[in-house]
Amino acid sequence: MYASIPITETKQILADIMEHNLIDTQIKQELLNWYDVITKQNYFTNNNDIIIQNDGLAMGASSSSITAEMFLQHTEKSHLAHLTQKHKIINYFRYVDNIFLIFDPTTITYKLS
């Protein structure tokens, strides 16, 4: 769910991507300003009530799917290899924000307390 995508961390990921790809400073600043606008205008209506969403990305906004994809790809690249090895994950699939893991349950050790 897009409401669980961290706005501040994702903005830094966007800045890092632009830095890595040598994006012009002025364009980079314009895109970061755009990011601030779309993440602060986080409201929707439900039963004629205006609801302000304080955390995460706006549900239903087309910009949210793009931003969430950027965050999820970064997370996969940063953490998936380590987690796959640590938890003996055989395979991993993701479609948008749905994740499917295949693992060998015989490799799990249970700790009784």
C-alpha atoms as a PDB file:
ATOM      1  CA  MET A   1       0.000   0.000   0.000  1.00  0.00           C
ATOM      2  CA  TYR A   2       1.382   3.377  -0.960  1.00  0.00           C
ATOM      3  CA  ALA A   3       0.568   4.818   2.460  1.00  0.00           C
ATOM      4  CA  SER A   4       3.543   2.889   3.847  1.00  0.00           C
ATOM      5  CA  ILE A   5       6.123   4.375   1.469  1.00  0.00           C
ATOM      6  CA  PRO A   6       8.358   6.732   3.520  1.00  0.00           C
ATOM      7  CA  ILE A   7       8.272  10.193   1.929  1.00  0.00           C
ATOM      8  CA  THR A   8      11.547  11.596   3.317  1.00  0.00           C
ATOM      9  CA  GLU A   9      13.615   8.492   2.562  1.00  0.00           C
ATOM     10  CA  THR A  10      12.174   8.271  -0.954  1.00  0.00           C
ATOM     11  CA  LYS A  11      13.052  11.912  -1.627  1.00  0.00           C
ATOM     12  CA  GLN A  12      16.667  11.141  -0.706  1.00  0.00           C
ATOM     13  CA  ILE A  13      16.614   8.102  -3.003  1.00  0.00           C
ATOM     14  CA  LEU A  14      15.369  10.346  -5.835  1.00  0.00           C
ATOM     15  CA  ALA A  15      18.143  12.868  -5.113  1.00  0.00           C
ATOM     16  CA  ASP A  16      20.754  10.094  -5.089  1.00  0.00           C
ATOM     17  CA  ILE A  17      19.505   8.675  -8.395  1.00  0.00           C
ATOM     18  CA  MET A  18      19.735  12.097 -10.011  1.00  0.00           C
ATOM     19  CA  GLU A  19      23.207  12.662  -8.569  1.00  0.00           C
ATOM     20  CA  HIS A  20      24.377   9.272  -9.826  1.00  0.00           C
ATOM     21  CA  ASN A  21      23.014  10.032 -13.312  1.00  0.00           C
ATOM     22  CA  LEU A  22      24.644  13.485 -13.404  1.00  0.00           C
ATOM     23  CA  ILE A  23      21.361  15.367 -13.722  1.00  0.00           C
ATOM     24  CA  ASP A  24      21.779  19.140 -14.063  1.00  0.00           C
ATOM     25  CA  THR A  25      21.534  20.919 -10.693  1.00  0.00           C
ATOM     26  CA  GLN A  26      18.639  23.147 -11.768  1.00  0.00           C
ATOM     27  CA  ILE A  27      16.620  20.214 -13.112  1.00  0.00           C
ATOM     28  CA  LYS A  28      17.399  18.223  -9.976  1.00  0.00           C
ATOM     29  CA  GLN A  29      16.097  21.052  -7.775  1.00  0.00           C
ATOM     30  CA  GLU A  30      12.953  21.438  -9.897  1.00  0.00           C
ATOM     31  CA  LEU A  31      12.221  17.719  -9.608  1.00  0.00           C
ATOM     32  CA  LEU A  32      12.775  17.758  -5.845  1.00  0.00           C
ATOM     33  CA  ASN A  33      10.442  20.765  -5.572  1.00  0.00           C
ATOM     34  CA  TRP A  34       7.875  18.856  -7.643  1.00  0.00           C
ATOM     35  CA  TYR A  35       8.292  15.903  -5.271  1.00  0.00           C
ATOM     36  CA  ASP A  36       7.587  18.163  -2.279  1.00  0.00           C
ATOM     37  CA  VAL A  37       4.419  19.517  -3.898  1.00  0.00           C
ATOM     38  CA  ILE A  38       2.954  16.135  -4.769  1.00  0.00           C
ATOM     39  CA  THR A  39       3.775  14.576  -1.403  1.00  0.00           C
ATOM     40  CA  LYS A  40       2.321  17.478   0.594  1.00  0.00           C
ATOM     41  CA  GLN A  41      -0.930  17.624  -1.374  1.00  0.00           C
ATOM     42  CA  ASN A  42      -1.977  14.351   0.142  1.00  0.00           C
ATOM     43  CA  TYR A  43      -5.740  14.460   0.508  1.00  0.00           C
ATOM     44  CA  PHE A  44      -8.808  12.709  -0.847  1.00  0.00           C
ATOM     45  CA  THR A  45     -12.559  12.561  -0.305  1.00  0.00           C
ATOM     46  CA  ASN A  46     -14.535   9.770   1.284  1.00  0.00           C
ATOM     47  CA  ASN A  47     -18.305  10.026   1.880  1.00  0.00           C
ATOM     48  CA  ASN A  48     -18.122  13.766   1.148  1.00  0.00           C
ATOM     49  CA  ASP A  49     -15.423  14.237   3.805  1.00  0.00           C
ATOM     50  CA  ILE A  50     -11.994  15.609   2.901  1.00  0.00           C
ATOM     51  CA  ILE A  51      -9.358  13.392   4.473  1.00  0.00           C
ATOM     52  CA  ILE A  52      -5.748  14.489   4.809  1.00  0.00           C
ATOM     53  CA  GLN A  53      -3.344  11.587   4.588  1.00  0.00           C
ATOM     54  CA  ASN A  54      -0.433  12.410   6.890  1.00  0.00           C
ATOM     55  CA  ASP A  55       1.871   9.502   6.023  1.00  0.00           C
ATOM     56  CA  GLY A  56       2.924   7.867   2.804  1.00  0.00           C
ATOM     57  CA  LEU A  57       1.959   8.624  -0.761  1.00  0.00           C
ATOM     58  CA  ALA A  58      -1.453   9.771  -1.932  1.00  0.00           C
ATOM     59  CA  MET A  59      -3.643   6.821  -2.778  1.00  0.00           C
ATOM     60  CA  GLY A  60      -5.004   7.071  -6.307  1.00  0.00           C
ATOM     61  CA  ALA A  61      -2.519   9.668  -7.526  1.00  0.00           C
ATOM     62  CA  SER A  62      -0.677   8.609 -10.681  1.00  0.00           C
ATOM     63  CA  SER A  63       2.562  10.009  -9.247  1.00  0.00           C
ATOM     64  CA  SER A  64       2.311   7.612  -6.294  1.00  0.00           C
ATOM     65  CA  SER A  65       2.811   4.474  -8.375  1.00  0.00           C
ATOM     66  CA  ILE A  66       5.948   5.909  -9.996  1.00  0.00           C
ATOM     67  CA  THR A  67       7.350   7.069  -6.654  1.00  0.00           C
ATOM     68  CA  ALA A  68       6.537   3.766  -4.952  1.00  0.00           C
ATOM     69  CA  GLU A  69       8.236   1.836  -7.758  1.00  0.00           C
ATOM     70  CA  MET A  70      11.374   3.935  -7.310  1.00  0.00           C
ATOM     71  CA  PHE A  71      11.405   3.208  -3.554  1.00  0.00           C
ATOM     72  CA  LEU A  72      10.728  -0.507  -4.001  1.00  0.00           C
ATOM     73  CA  GLN A  73      13.434  -0.940  -6.652  1.00  0.00           C
ATOM     74  CA  HIS A  74      15.943   0.810  -4.399  1.00  0.00           C
ATOM     75  CA  THR A  75      14.938  -1.398  -1.463  1.00  0.00           C
ATOM     76  CA  GLU A  76      15.300  -4.530  -3.567  1.00  0.00           C
ATOM     77  CA  LYS A  77      18.755  -3.537  -4.812  1.00  0.00           C
ATOM     78  CA  SER A  78      19.921  -2.508  -1.344  1.00  0.00           C
ATOM     79  CA  HIS A  79      18.582  -5.352   0.775  1.00  0.00           C
ATOM     80  CA  LEU A  80      17.347  -8.316  -1.243  1.00  0.00           C
ATOM     81  CA  ALA A  81      20.664 -10.135  -1.717  1.00  0.00           C
ATOM     82  CA  HIS A  82      21.410 -10.084   2.023  1.00  0.00           C
ATOM     83  CA  LEU A  83      17.871 -11.085   3.019  1.00  0.00           C
ATOM     84  CA  THR A  84      17.752 -13.840   0.404  1.00  0.00           C
ATOM     85  CA  GLN A  85      20.873 -15.418   1.812  1.00  0.00           C
ATOM     86  CA  LYS A  86      19.982 -14.864   5.466  1.00  0.00           C
ATOM     87  CA  HIS A  87      16.472 -16.321   5.198  1.00  0.00           C
ATOM     88  CA  LYS A  88      17.213 -18.973   2.542  1.00  0.00           C
ATOM     89  CA  ILE A  89      14.790 -17.475   0.032  1.00  0.00           C
ATOM     90  CA  ILE A  90      14.715 -19.574  -3.131  1.00  0.00           C
ATOM     91  CA  ASN A  91      12.974 -17.014  -5.313  1.00  0.00           C
ATOM     92  CA  TYR A  92      11.322 -13.640  -5.062  1.00  0.00           C
ATOM     93  CA  PHE A  93       8.658 -12.069  -7.271  1.00  0.00           C
ATOM     94  CA  ARG A  94       7.060  -8.649  -7.113  1.00  0.00           C
ATOM     95  CA  TYR A  95       4.210  -7.154  -9.082  1.00  0.00           C
ATOM     96  CA  VAL A  96       3.661  -3.492  -8.158  1.00  0.00           C
ATOM     97  CA  ASP A  97       3.462  -3.711  -4.351  1.00  0.00           C
ATOM     98  CA  ASN A  98       2.598  -7.418  -4.047  1.00  0.00           C
ATOM     99  CA  ILE A  99       5.473  -9.656  -3.014  1.00  0.00           C
ATOM    100  CA  PHE A 100       5.657 -13.429  -3.366  1.00  0.00           C
ATOM    101  CA  LEU A 101       8.515 -15.335  -1.686  1.00  0.00           C
ATOM    102  CA  ILE A 102       9.460 -18.972  -2.124  1.00  0.00           C
ATOM    103  CA  PHE A 103      11.627 -20.471   0.583  1.00  0.00           C
ATOM    104  CA  ASP A 104      12.649 -23.880   1.866  1.00  0.00           C
ATOM    105  CA  PRO A 105      10.900 -24.393   5.222  1.00  0.00           C
ATOM    106  CA  THR A 106      13.356 -27.145   6.183  1.00  0.00           C
ATOM    107  CA  THR A 107      16.071 -24.496   6.561  1.00  0.00           C
ATOM    108  CA  ILE A 108      14.169 -22.585   9.232  1.00  0.00           C
ATOM    109  CA  THR A 109      15.327 -23.076  12.792  1.00  0.00           C
ATOM    110  CA  TYR A 110      12.786 -22.512  15.493  1.00  0.00           C
ATOM    111  CA  LYS A 111      13.744 -21.109  18.849  1.00  0.00           C
ATOM    112  CA  LEU A 112      11.541 -22.090  21.745  1.00  0.00           C
ATOM    113  CA  SER A 113      11.356 -19.610  24.552  1.00  0.00           C
END
